[in-house]
Amino acid sequence: CASWASYSSDEERARDAVAVVVTDGVE
């Protein structure tokens, strides 16, 4: 089982992400 990091803000999430995108189309 993975041990997941916990993020308290979008800034922390964005720091660890390789990409941050907004979408309105998911299929």
mmCIF file of all heavy atoms, coordinates in Angstrom:
data_MODEL
# 
_entry.id   MODEL 
# 
loop_
_atom_site.group_PDB 
_atom_site.id 
_atom_site.type_symbol 
_atom_site.label_atom_id 
_atom_site.label_alt_id 
_atom_site.label_comp_id 
_atom_site.label_asym_id 
_atom_site.label_entity_id 
_atom_site.label_seq_id 
_atom_site.pdbx_PDB_ins_code 
_atom_site.Cartn_x 
_atom_site.Cartn_y 
_atom_site.Cartn_z 
_atom_site.occupancy 
_atom_site.B_iso_or_equiv 
_atom_site.pdbx_formal_charge 
_atom_site.auth_seq_id 
_atom_site.auth_comp_id 
_atom_site.auth_asym_id 
_atom_site.auth_atom_id 
_atom_site.pdbx_PDB_model_num 
ATOM 1   N N   . CYS A 1 1  ? 0.841   -1.193 0.000   1.00 0.00 ? 1  CYS A N   1 
ATOM 2   C CA  . CYS A 1 1  ? 0.000   0.000  0.000   1.00 0.00 ? 1  CYS A CA  1 
ATOM 3   C C   . CYS A 1 1  ? 0.877   1.245  0.000   1.00 0.00 ? 1  CYS A C   1 
ATOM 4   O O   . CYS A 1 1  ? 1.866   1.326  0.726   1.00 0.00 ? 1  CYS A O   1 
ATOM 5   C CB  . CYS A 1 1  ? -0.905  0.000  1.232   1.00 0.00 ? 1  CYS A CB  1 
ATOM 6   S SG  . CYS A 1 1  ? -2.066  -1.372 1.231   1.00 0.00 ? 1  CYS A SG  1 
ATOM 7   N N   . ALA A 1 2  ? 0.496   2.197  -0.833  1.00 0.00 ? 2  ALA A N   1 
ATOM 8   C CA  . ALA A 1 2  ? 1.239   3.453  -0.906  1.00 0.00 ? 2  ALA A CA  1 
ATOM 9   C C   . ALA A 1 2  ? 0.954   4.304  0.322   1.00 0.00 ? 2  ALA A C   1 
ATOM 10  O O   . ALA A 1 2  ? -0.141  4.268  0.881   1.00 0.00 ? 2  ALA A O   1 
ATOM 11  C CB  . ALA A 1 2  ? 0.844   4.209  -2.161  1.00 0.00 ? 2  ALA A CB  1 
ATOM 12  N N   . SER A 1 3  ? 1.931   5.071  0.705   1.00 0.00 ? 3  SER A N   1 
ATOM 13  C CA  . SER A 1 3  ? 1.762   6.054  1.766   1.00 0.00 ? 3  SER A CA  1 
ATOM 14  C C   . SER A 1 3  ? 1.680   7.410  1.066   1.00 0.00 ? 3  SER A C   1 
ATOM 15  O O   . SER A 1 3  ? 2.662   7.882  0.492   1.00 0.00 ? 3  SER A O   1 
ATOM 16  C CB  . SER A 1 3  ? 2.962   6.000  2.716   1.00 0.00 ? 3  SER A CB  1 
ATOM 17  O OG  . SER A 1 3  ? 2.837   6.974  3.700   1.00 0.00 ? 3  SER A OG  1 
ATOM 18  N N   . TRP A 1 4  ? 0.494   8.002  1.058   1.00 0.00 ? 4  TRP A N   1 
ATOM 19  C CA  . TRP A 1 4  ? 0.263   9.213  0.280   1.00 0.00 ? 4  TRP A CA  1 
ATOM 20  C C   . TRP A 1 4  ? 0.626   10.465 1.059   1.00 0.00 ? 4  TRP A C   1 
ATOM 21  O O   . TRP A 1 4  ? 0.308   10.594 2.229   1.00 0.00 ? 4  TRP A O   1 
ATOM 22  C CB  . TRP A 1 4  ? -1.211  9.293  -0.140  1.00 0.00 ? 4  TRP A CB  1 
ATOM 23  C CG  . TRP A 1 4  ? -1.625  8.118  -0.942  1.00 0.00 ? 4  TRP A CG  1 
ATOM 24  C CD1 . TRP A 1 4  ? -2.428  7.092  -0.531  1.00 0.00 ? 4  TRP A CD1 1 
ATOM 25  C CD2 . TRP A 1 4  ? -1.256  7.815  -2.285  1.00 0.00 ? 4  TRP A CD2 1 
ATOM 26  N NE1 . TRP A 1 4  ? -2.582  6.177  -1.544  1.00 0.00 ? 4  TRP A NE1 1 
ATOM 27  C CE2 . TRP A 1 4  ? -1.874  6.600  -2.626  1.00 0.00 ? 4  TRP A CE2 1 
ATOM 28  C CE3 . TRP A 1 4  ? -0.457  8.455  -3.232  1.00 0.00 ? 4  TRP A CE3 1 
ATOM 29  C CZ2 . TRP A 1 4  ? -1.720  6.012  -3.885  1.00 0.00 ? 4  TRP A CZ2 1 
ATOM 30  C CZ3 . TRP A 1 4  ? -0.319  7.875  -4.483  1.00 0.00 ? 4  TRP A CZ3 1 
ATOM 31  C CH2 . TRP A 1 4  ? -0.942  6.668  -4.790  1.00 0.00 ? 4  TRP A CH2 1 
ATOM 32  N N   . ALA A 1 5  ? 1.266   11.413 0.374   1.00 0.00 ? 5  ALA A N   1 
ATOM 33  C CA  . ALA A 1 5  ? 1.543   12.720 0.960   1.00 0.00 ? 5  ALA A CA  1 
ATOM 34  C C   . ALA A 1 5  ? 0.218   13.448 1.144   1.00 0.00 ? 5  ALA A C   1 
ATOM 35  O O   . ALA A 1 5  ? -0.732  13.236 0.399   1.00 0.00 ? 5  ALA A O   1 
ATOM 36  C CB  . ALA A 1 5  ? 2.450   13.527 0.041   1.00 0.00 ? 5  ALA A CB  1 
ATOM 37  N N   . SER A 1 6  ? 0.165   14.297 2.145   1.00 0.00 ? 6  SER A N   1 
ATOM 38  C CA  . SER A 1 6  ? -1.029  15.095 2.402   1.00 0.00 ? 6  SER A CA  1 
ATOM 39  C C   . SER A 1 6  ? -0.702  16.555 2.108   1.00 0.00 ? 6  SER A C   1 
ATOM 40  O O   . SER A 1 6  ? 0.336   17.067 2.532   1.00 0.00 ? 6  SER A O   1 
ATOM 41  C CB  . SER A 1 6  ? -1.462  14.925 3.856   1.00 0.00 ? 6  SER A CB  1 
ATOM 42  O OG  . SER A 1 6  ? -2.593  15.693 4.118   1.00 0.00 ? 6  SER A OG  1 
ATOM 43  N N   . TYR A 1 7  ? -1.576  17.217 1.378   1.00 0.00 ? 7  TYR A N   1 
ATOM 44  C CA  . TYR A 1 7  ? -1.359  18.608 0.984   1.00 0.00 ? 7  TYR A CA  1 
ATOM 45  C C   . TYR A 1 7  ? -2.429  19.487 1.613   1.00 0.00 ? 7  TYR A C   1 
ATOM 46  O O   . TYR A 1 7  ? -3.599  19.137 1.612   1.00 0.00 ? 7  TYR A O   1 
ATOM 47  C CB  . TYR A 1 7  ? -1.415  18.742 -0.538  1.00 0.00 ? 7  TYR A CB  1 
ATOM 48  C CG  . TYR A 1 7  ? -0.342  17.951 -1.236  1.00 0.00 ? 7  TYR A CG  1 
ATOM 49  C CD1 . TYR A 1 7  ? -0.586  16.668 -1.695  1.00 0.00 ? 7  TYR A CD1 1 
ATOM 50  C CD2 . TYR A 1 7  ? 0.925   18.486 -1.419  1.00 0.00 ? 7  TYR A CD2 1 
ATOM 51  C CE1 . TYR A 1 7  ? 0.408   15.936 -2.343  1.00 0.00 ? 7  TYR A CE1 1 
ATOM 52  C CE2 . TYR A 1 7  ? 1.915   17.768 -2.057  1.00 0.00 ? 7  TYR A CE2 1 
ATOM 53  C CZ  . TYR A 1 7  ? 1.655   16.489 -2.514  1.00 0.00 ? 7  TYR A CZ  1 
ATOM 54  O OH  . TYR A 1 7  ? 2.630   15.773 -3.138  1.00 0.00 ? 7  TYR A OH  1 
ATOM 55  N N   . SER A 1 8  ? -2.005  20.638 2.113   1.00 0.00 ? 8  SER A N   1 
ATOM 56  C CA  . SER A 1 8  ? -2.965  21.538 2.748   1.00 0.00 ? 8  SER A CA  1 
ATOM 57  C C   . SER A 1 8  ? -3.359  22.711 1.849   1.00 0.00 ? 8  SER A C   1 
ATOM 58  O O   . SER A 1 8  ? -4.251  23.477 2.196   1.00 0.00 ? 8  SER A O   1 
ATOM 59  C CB  . SER A 1 8  ? -2.393  22.066 4.073   1.00 0.00 ? 8  SER A CB  1 
ATOM 60  O OG  . SER A 1 8  ? -1.197  22.771 3.841   1.00 0.00 ? 8  SER A OG  1 
ATOM 61  N N   . SER A 1 9  ? -2.693  22.846 0.689   1.00 0.00 ? 9  SER A N   1 
ATOM 62  C CA  . SER A 1 9  ? -3.028  23.975 -0.189  1.00 0.00 ? 9  SER A CA  1 
ATOM 63  C C   . SER A 1 9  ? -2.767  23.611 -1.650  1.00 0.00 ? 9  SER A C   1 
ATOM 64  O O   . SER A 1 9  ? -1.996  22.693 -1.958  1.00 0.00 ? 9  SER A O   1 
ATOM 65  C CB  . SER A 1 9  ? -2.188  25.199 0.177   1.00 0.00 ? 9  SER A CB  1 
ATOM 66  O OG  . SER A 1 9  ? -0.826  24.979 -0.162  1.00 0.00 ? 9  SER A OG  1 
ATOM 67  N N   . ASP A 1 10 ? -3.402  24.361 -2.538  1.00 0.00 ? 10 ASP A N   1 
ATOM 68  C CA  . ASP A 1 10 ? -3.161  24.169 -3.965  1.00 0.00 ? 10 ASP A CA  1 
ATOM 69  C C   . ASP A 1 10 ? -1.724  24.519 -4.333  1.00 0.00 ? 10 ASP A C   1 
ATOM 70  O O   . ASP A 1 10 ? -1.167  23.940 -5.259  1.00 0.00 ? 10 ASP A O   1 
ATOM 71  C CB  . ASP A 1 10 ? -4.135  25.008 -4.789  1.00 0.00 ? 10 ASP A CB  1 
ATOM 72  C CG  . ASP A 1 10 ? -5.521  24.391 -4.839  1.00 0.00 ? 10 ASP A CG  1 
ATOM 73  O OD1 . ASP A 1 10 ? -5.697  23.235 -4.374  1.00 0.00 ? 10 ASP A OD1 1 
ATOM 74  O OD2 . ASP A 1 10 ? -6.440  25.060 -5.362  1.00 0.00 ? 10 ASP A OD2 1 
ATOM 75  N N   . GLU A 1 11 ? -1.111  25.451 -3.608  1.00 0.00 ? 11 GLU A N   1 
ATOM 76  C CA  . GLU A 1 11 ? 0.284   25.805 -3.872  1.00 0.00 ? 11 GLU A CA  1 
ATOM 77  C C   . GLU A 1 11 ? 1.191   24.606 -3.620  1.00 0.00 ? 11 GLU A C   1 
ATOM 78  O O   . GLU A 1 11 ? 2.122   24.344 -4.385  1.00 0.00 ? 11 GLU A O   1 
ATOM 79  C CB  . GLU A 1 11 ? 0.715   27.000 -3.000  1.00 0.00 ? 11 GLU A CB  1 
ATOM 80  C CG  . GLU A 1 11 ? 0.077   28.312 -3.382  1.00 0.00 ? 11 GLU A CG  1 
ATOM 81  C CD  . GLU A 1 11 ? -1.378  28.449 -2.931  1.00 0.00 ? 11 GLU A CD  1 
ATOM 82  O OE1 . GLU A 1 11 ? -1.812  27.751 -1.969  1.00 0.00 ? 11 GLU A OE1 1 
ATOM 83  O OE2 . GLU A 1 11 ? -2.108  29.240 -3.552  1.00 0.00 ? 11 GLU A OE2 1 
ATOM 84  N N   . GLU A 1 12 ? 0.942   23.858 -2.534  1.00 0.00 ? 12 GLU A N   1 
ATOM 85  C CA  . GLU A 1 12 ? 1.736   22.652 -2.249  1.00 0.00 ? 12 GLU A CA  1 
ATOM 86  C C   . GLU A 1 12 ? 1.499   21.584 -3.316  1.00 0.00 ? 12 GLU A C   1 
ATOM 87  O O   . GLU A 1 12 ? 2.431   20.918 -3.755  1.00 0.00 ? 12 GLU A O   1 
ATOM 88  C CB  . GLU A 1 12 ? 1.378   22.085 -0.870  1.00 0.00 ? 12 GLU A CB  1 
ATOM 89  C CG  . GLU A 1 12 ? 1.874   22.914 0.278   1.00 0.00 ? 12 GLU A CG  1 
ATOM 90  C CD  . GLU A 1 12 ? 1.477   22.335 1.635   1.00 0.00 ? 12 GLU A CD  1 
ATOM 91  O OE1 . GLU A 1 12 ? 0.854   21.251 1.686   1.00 0.00 ? 12 GLU A OE1 1 
ATOM 92  O OE2 . GLU A 1 12 ? 1.799   22.969 2.650   1.00 0.00 ? 12 GLU A OE2 1 
ATOM 93  N N   . ARG A 1 13 ? 0.260   21.418 -3.730  1.00 0.00 ? 13 ARG A N   1 
ATOM 94  C CA  . ARG A 1 13 ? -0.063  20.441 -4.774  1.00 0.00 ? 13 ARG A CA  1 
ATOM 95  C C   . ARG A 1 13 ? 0.667   20.809 -6.068  1.00 0.00 ? 13 ARG A C   1 
ATOM 96  O O   . ARG A 1 13 ? 1.270   19.952 -6.719  1.00 0.00 ? 13 ARG A O   1 
ATOM 97  C CB  . ARG A 1 13 ? -1.578  20.385 -5.024  1.00 0.00 ? 13 ARG A CB  1 
ATOM 98  C CG  . ARG A 1 13 ? -2.359  19.776 -3.892  1.00 0.00 ? 13 ARG A CG  1 
ATOM 99  C CD  . ARG A 1 13 ? -3.878  19.832 -4.161  1.00 0.00 ? 13 ARG A CD  1 
ATOM 100 N NE  . ARG A 1 13 ? -4.595  19.502 -2.962  1.00 0.00 ? 13 ARG A NE  1 
ATOM 101 C CZ  . ARG A 1 13 ? -4.976  20.377 -2.026  1.00 0.00 ? 13 ARG A CZ  1 
ATOM 102 N NH1 . ARG A 1 13 ? -4.745  21.665 -2.186  1.00 0.00 ? 13 ARG A NH1 1 
ATOM 103 N NH2 . ARG A 1 13 ? -5.604  19.978 -0.942  1.00 0.00 ? 13 ARG A NH2 1 
ATOM 104 N N   . ALA A 1 14 ? 0.600   22.070 -6.454  1.00 0.00 ? 14 ALA A N   1 
ATOM 105 C CA  . ALA A 1 14 ? 1.237   22.538 -7.683  1.00 0.00 ? 14 ALA A CA  1 
ATOM 106 C C   . ALA A 1 14 ? 2.754   22.365 -7.622  1.00 0.00 ? 14 ALA A C   1 
ATOM 107 O O   . ALA A 1 14 ? 3.374   22.019 -8.635  1.00 0.00 ? 14 ALA A O   1 
ATOM 108 C CB  . ALA A 1 14 ? 0.873   23.999 -7.945  1.00 0.00 ? 14 ALA A CB  1 
ATOM 109 N N   . ARG A 1 15 ? 3.335   22.571 -6.477  1.00 0.00 ? 15 ARG A N   1 
ATOM 110 C CA  . ARG A 1 15 ? 4.787   22.417 -6.318  1.00 0.00 ? 15 ARG A CA  1 
ATOM 111 C C   . ARG A 1 15 ? 5.222   21.001 -6.673  1.00 0.00 ? 15 ARG A C   1 
ATOM 112 O O   . ARG A 1 15 ? 6.241   20.804 -7.327  1.00 0.00 ? 15 ARG A O   1 
ATOM 113 C CB  . ARG A 1 15 ? 5.184   22.748 -4.878  1.00 0.00 ? 15 ARG A CB  1 
ATOM 114 C CG  . ARG A 1 15 ? 6.676   22.575 -4.580  1.00 0.00 ? 15 ARG A CG  1 
ATOM 115 C CD  . ARG A 1 15 ? 6.975   22.547 -3.096  1.00 0.00 ? 15 ARG A CD  1 
ATOM 116 N NE  . ARG A 1 15 ? 6.366   21.333 -2.532  1.00 0.00 ? 15 ARG A NE  1 
ATOM 117 C CZ  . ARG A 1 15 ? 5.761   21.278 -1.346  1.00 0.00 ? 15 ARG A CZ  1 
ATOM 118 N NH1 . ARG A 1 15 ? 5.673   22.351 -0.591  1.00 0.00 ? 15 ARG A NH1 1 
ATOM 119 N NH2 . ARG A 1 15 ? 5.253   20.145 -0.915  1.00 0.00 ? 15 ARG A NH2 1 
ATOM 120 N N   . ASP A 1 16 ? 4.451   19.992 -6.269  1.00 0.00 ? 16 ASP A N   1 
ATOM 121 C CA  . ASP A 1 16 ? 4.827   18.601 -6.489  1.00 0.00 ? 16 ASP A CA  1 
ATOM 122 C C   . ASP A 1 16 ? 4.303   18.022 -7.802  1.00 0.00 ? 16 ASP A C   1 
ATOM 123 O O   . ASP A 1 16 ? 4.683   16.920 -8.183  1.00 0.00 ? 16 ASP A O   1 
ATOM 124 C CB  . ASP A 1 16 ? 4.350   17.736 -5.319  1.00 0.00 ? 16 ASP A CB  1 
ATOM 125 C CG  . ASP A 1 16 ? 5.178   17.957 -4.058  1.00 0.00 ? 16 ASP A CG  1 
ATOM 126 O OD1 . ASP A 1 16 ? 6.194   18.678 -4.115  1.00 0.00 ? 16 ASP A OD1 1 
ATOM 127 O OD2 . ASP A 1 16 ? 4.804   17.394 -3.020  1.00 0.00 ? 16 ASP A OD2 1 
ATOM 128 N N   . ALA A 1 17 ? 3.450   18.742 -8.503  1.00 0.00 ? 17 ALA A N   1 
ATOM 129 C CA  . ALA A 1 17 ? 2.881   18.260 -9.759  1.00 0.00 ? 17 ALA A CA  1 
ATOM 130 C C   . ALA A 1 17 ? 3.792   18.615 -10.931 1.00 0.00 ? 17 ALA A C   1 
ATOM 131 O O   . ALA A 1 17 ? 4.454   19.654 -10.921 1.00 0.00 ? 17 ALA A O   1 
ATOM 132 C CB  . ALA A 1 17 ? 1.502   18.879 -9.971  1.00 0.00 ? 17 ALA A CB  1 
ATOM 133 N N   . VAL A 1 18 ? 3.825   17.749 -11.955 1.00 0.00 ? 18 VAL A N   1 
ATOM 134 C CA  . VAL A 1 18 ? 4.556   18.079 -13.175 1.00 0.00 ? 18 VAL A CA  1 
ATOM 135 C C   . VAL A 1 18 ? 3.694   18.935 -14.098 1.00 0.00 ? 18 VAL A C   1 
ATOM 136 O O   . VAL A 1 18 ? 4.206   19.636 -14.953 1.00 0.00 ? 18 VAL A O   1 
ATOM 137 C CB  . VAL A 1 18 ? 5.048   16.823 -13.936 1.00 0.00 ? 18 VAL A CB  1 
ATOM 138 C CG1 . VAL A 1 18 ? 6.032   16.037 -13.114 1.00 0.00 ? 18 VAL A CG1 1 
ATOM 139 C CG2 . VAL A 1 18 ? 3.907   15.967 -14.412 1.00 0.00 ? 18 VAL A CG2 1 
ATOM 140 N N   . ALA A 1 19 ? 2.385   18.847 -13.900 1.00 0.00 ? 19 ALA A N   1 
ATOM 141 C CA  . ALA A 1 19 ? 1.459   19.661 -14.696 1.00 0.00 ? 19 ALA A CA  1 
ATOM 142 C C   . ALA A 1 19 ? 0.234   19.989 -13.858 1.00 0.00 ? 19 ALA A C   1 
ATOM 143 O O   . ALA A 1 19 ? -0.205  19.185 -13.039 1.00 0.00 ? 19 ALA A O   1 
ATOM 144 C CB  . ALA A 1 19 ? 1.028   18.921 -15.964 1.00 0.00 ? 19 ALA A CB  1 
ATOM 145 N N   . VAL A 1 20 ? -0.266  21.200 -14.052 1.00 0.00 ? 20 VAL A N   1 
ATOM 146 C CA  . VAL A 1 20 ? -1.524  21.628 -13.430 1.00 0.00 ? 20 VAL A CA  1 
ATOM 147 C C   . VAL A 1 20 ? -2.365  22.202 -14.562 1.00 0.00 ? 20 VAL A C   1 
ATOM 148 O O   . VAL A 1 20 ? -1.940  23.137 -15.246 1.00 0.00 ? 20 VAL A O   1 
ATOM 149 C CB  . VAL A 1 20 ? -1.301  22.685 -12.326 1.00 0.00 ? 20 VAL A CB  1 
ATOM 150 C CG1 . VAL A 1 20 ? -2.637  23.100 -11.717 1.00 0.00 ? 20 VAL A CG1 1 
ATOM 151 C CG2 . VAL A 1 20 ? -0.352  22.166 -11.259 1.00 0.00 ? 20 VAL A CG2 1 
ATOM 152 N N   . VAL A 1 21 ? -3.544  21.603 -14.748 1.00 0.00 ? 21 VAL A N   1 
ATOM 153 C CA  . VAL A 1 21 ? -4.411  22.027 -15.846 1.00 0.00 ? 21 VAL A CA  1 
ATOM 154 C C   . VAL A 1 21 ? -5.838  22.183 -15.345 1.00 0.00 ? 21 VAL A C   1 
ATOM 155 O O   . VAL A 1 21 ? -6.223  21.589 -14.345 1.00 0.00 ? 21 VAL A O   1 
ATOM 156 C CB  . VAL A 1 21 ? -4.376  21.021 -17.017 1.00 0.00 ? 21 VAL A CB  1 
ATOM 157 C CG1 . VAL A 1 21 ? -2.967  20.880 -17.575 1.00 0.00 ? 21 VAL A CG1 1 
ATOM 158 C CG2 . VAL A 1 21 ? -4.938  19.671 -16.626 1.00 0.00 ? 21 VAL A CG2 1 
ATOM 159 N N   . VAL A 1 22 ? -6.597  22.978 -16.080 1.00 0.00 ? 22 VAL A N   1 
ATOM 160 C CA  . VAL A 1 22 ? -8.031  23.095 -15.842 1.00 0.00 ? 22 VAL A CA  1 
ATOM 161 C C   . VAL A 1 22 ? -8.713  22.442 -17.029 1.00 0.00 ? 22 VAL A C   1 
ATOM 162 O O   . VAL A 1 22 ? -8.307  22.635 -18.177 1.00 0.00 ? 22 VAL A O   1 
ATOM 163 C CB  . VAL A 1 22 ? -8.465  24.567 -15.697 1.00 0.00 ? 22 VAL A CB  1 
ATOM 164 C CG1 . VAL A 1 22 ? -9.976  24.679 -15.608 1.00 0.00 ? 22 VAL A CG1 1 
ATOM 165 C CG2 . VAL A 1 22 ? -7.805  25.193 -14.473 1.00 0.00 ? 22 VAL A CG2 1 
ATOM 166 N N   . THR A 1 23 ? -9.732  21.645 -16.743 1.00 0.00 ? 23 THR A N   1 
ATOM 167 C CA  . THR A 1 23 ? -10.487 20.969 -17.788 1.00 0.00 ? 23 THR A CA  1 
ATOM 168 C C   . THR A 1 23 ? -11.979 21.097 -17.549 1.00 0.00 ? 23 THR A C   1 
ATOM 169 O O   . THR A 1 23 ? -12.422 21.192 -16.405 1.00 0.00 ? 23 THR A O   1 
ATOM 170 C CB  . THR A 1 23 ? -10.119 19.469 -17.871 1.00 0.00 ? 23 THR A CB  1 
ATOM 171 O OG1 . THR A 1 23 ? -10.853 18.878 -18.947 1.00 0.00 ? 23 THR A OG1 1 
ATOM 172 C CG2 . THR A 1 23 ? -10.432 18.737 -16.584 1.00 0.00 ? 23 THR A CG2 1 
ATOM 173 N N   . ASP A 1 24 ? -12.714 21.124 -18.631 1.00 0.00 ? 24 ASP A N   1 
ATOM 174 C CA  . ASP A 1 24 ? -14.172 21.048 -18.524 1.00 0.00 ? 24 ASP A CA  1 
ATOM 175 C C   . ASP A 1 24 ? -14.687 19.912 -19.390 1.00 0.00 ? 24 ASP A C   1 
ATOM 176 O O   . ASP A 1 24 ? -15.879 19.792 -19.633 1.00 0.00 ? 24 ASP A O   1 
ATOM 177 C CB  . ASP A 1 24 ? -14.845 22.367 -18.880 1.00 0.00 ? 24 ASP A CB  1 
ATOM 178 C CG  . ASP A 1 24 ? -14.400 22.908 -20.222 1.00 0.00 ? 24 ASP A CG  1 
ATOM 179 O OD1 . ASP A 1 24 ? -13.699 22.192 -20.970 1.00 0.00 ? 24 ASP A OD1 1 
ATOM 180 O OD2 . ASP A 1 24 ? -14.749 24.054 -20.533 1.00 0.00 ? 24 ASP A OD2 1 
ATOM 181 N N   . GLY A 1 25 ? -13.757 19.069 -19.851 1.00 0.00 ? 25 GLY A N   1 
ATOM 182 C CA  . GLY A 1 25 ? -14.128 17.921 -20.668 1.00 0.00 ? 25 GLY A CA  1 
ATOM 183 C C   . GLY A 1 25 ? -13.391 16.672 -20.245 1.00 0.00 ? 25 GLY A C   1 
ATOM 184 O O   . GLY A 1 25 ? -12.191 16.549 -20.444 1.00 0.00 ? 25 GLY A O   1 
ATOM 185 N N   . VAL A 1 26 ? -14.098 15.735 -19.616 1.00 0.00 ? 26 VAL A N   1 
ATOM 186 C CA  . VAL A 1 26 ? -13.525 14.466 -19.160 1.00 0.00 ? 26 VAL A CA  1 
ATOM 187 C C   . VAL A 1 26 ? -14.347 13.335 -19.763 1.00 0.00 ? 26 VAL A C   1 
ATOM 188 O O   . VAL A 1 26 ? -15.569 13.314 -19.647 1.00 0.00 ? 26 VAL A O   1 
ATOM 189 C CB  . VAL A 1 26 ? -13.549 14.379 -17.615 1.00 0.00 ? 26 VAL A CB  1 
ATOM 190 C CG1 . VAL A 1 26 ? -13.050 13.037 -17.139 1.00 0.00 ? 26 VAL A CG1 1 
ATOM 191 C CG2 . VAL A 1 26 ? -12.731 15.512 -16.998 1.00 0.00 ? 26 VAL A CG2 1 
ATOM 192 N N   . GLU A 1 27 ? -13.668 12.402 -20.424 1.00 0.00 ? 27 GLU A N   1 
ATOM 193 C CA  . GLU A 1 27 ? -14.344 11.282 -21.083 1.00 0.00 ? 27 GLU A CA  1 
ATOM 194 C C   . GLU A 1 27 ? -13.657 9.977  -20.681 1.00 0.00 ? 27 GLU A C   1 
ATOM 195 O O   . GLU A 1 27 ? -12.434 9.870  -20.739 1.00 0.00 ? 27 GLU A O   1 
ATOM 196 C CB  . GLU A 1 27 ? -14.226 11.494 -22.593 1.00 0.00 ? 27 GLU A CB  1 
ATOM 197 C CG  . GLU A 1 27 ? -14.858 10.452 -23.441 1.00 0.00 ? 27 GLU A CG  1 
ATOM 198 C CD  . GLU A 1 27 ? -14.620 10.753 -24.922 1.00 0.00 ? 27 GLU A CD  1 
ATOM 199 O OE1 . GLU A 1 27 ? -14.730 11.927 -25.324 1.00 0.00 ? 27 GLU A OE1 1 
ATOM 200 O OE2 . GLU A 1 27 ? -14.312 9.800  -25.657 1.00 0.00 ? 27 GLU A OE2 1 
# 
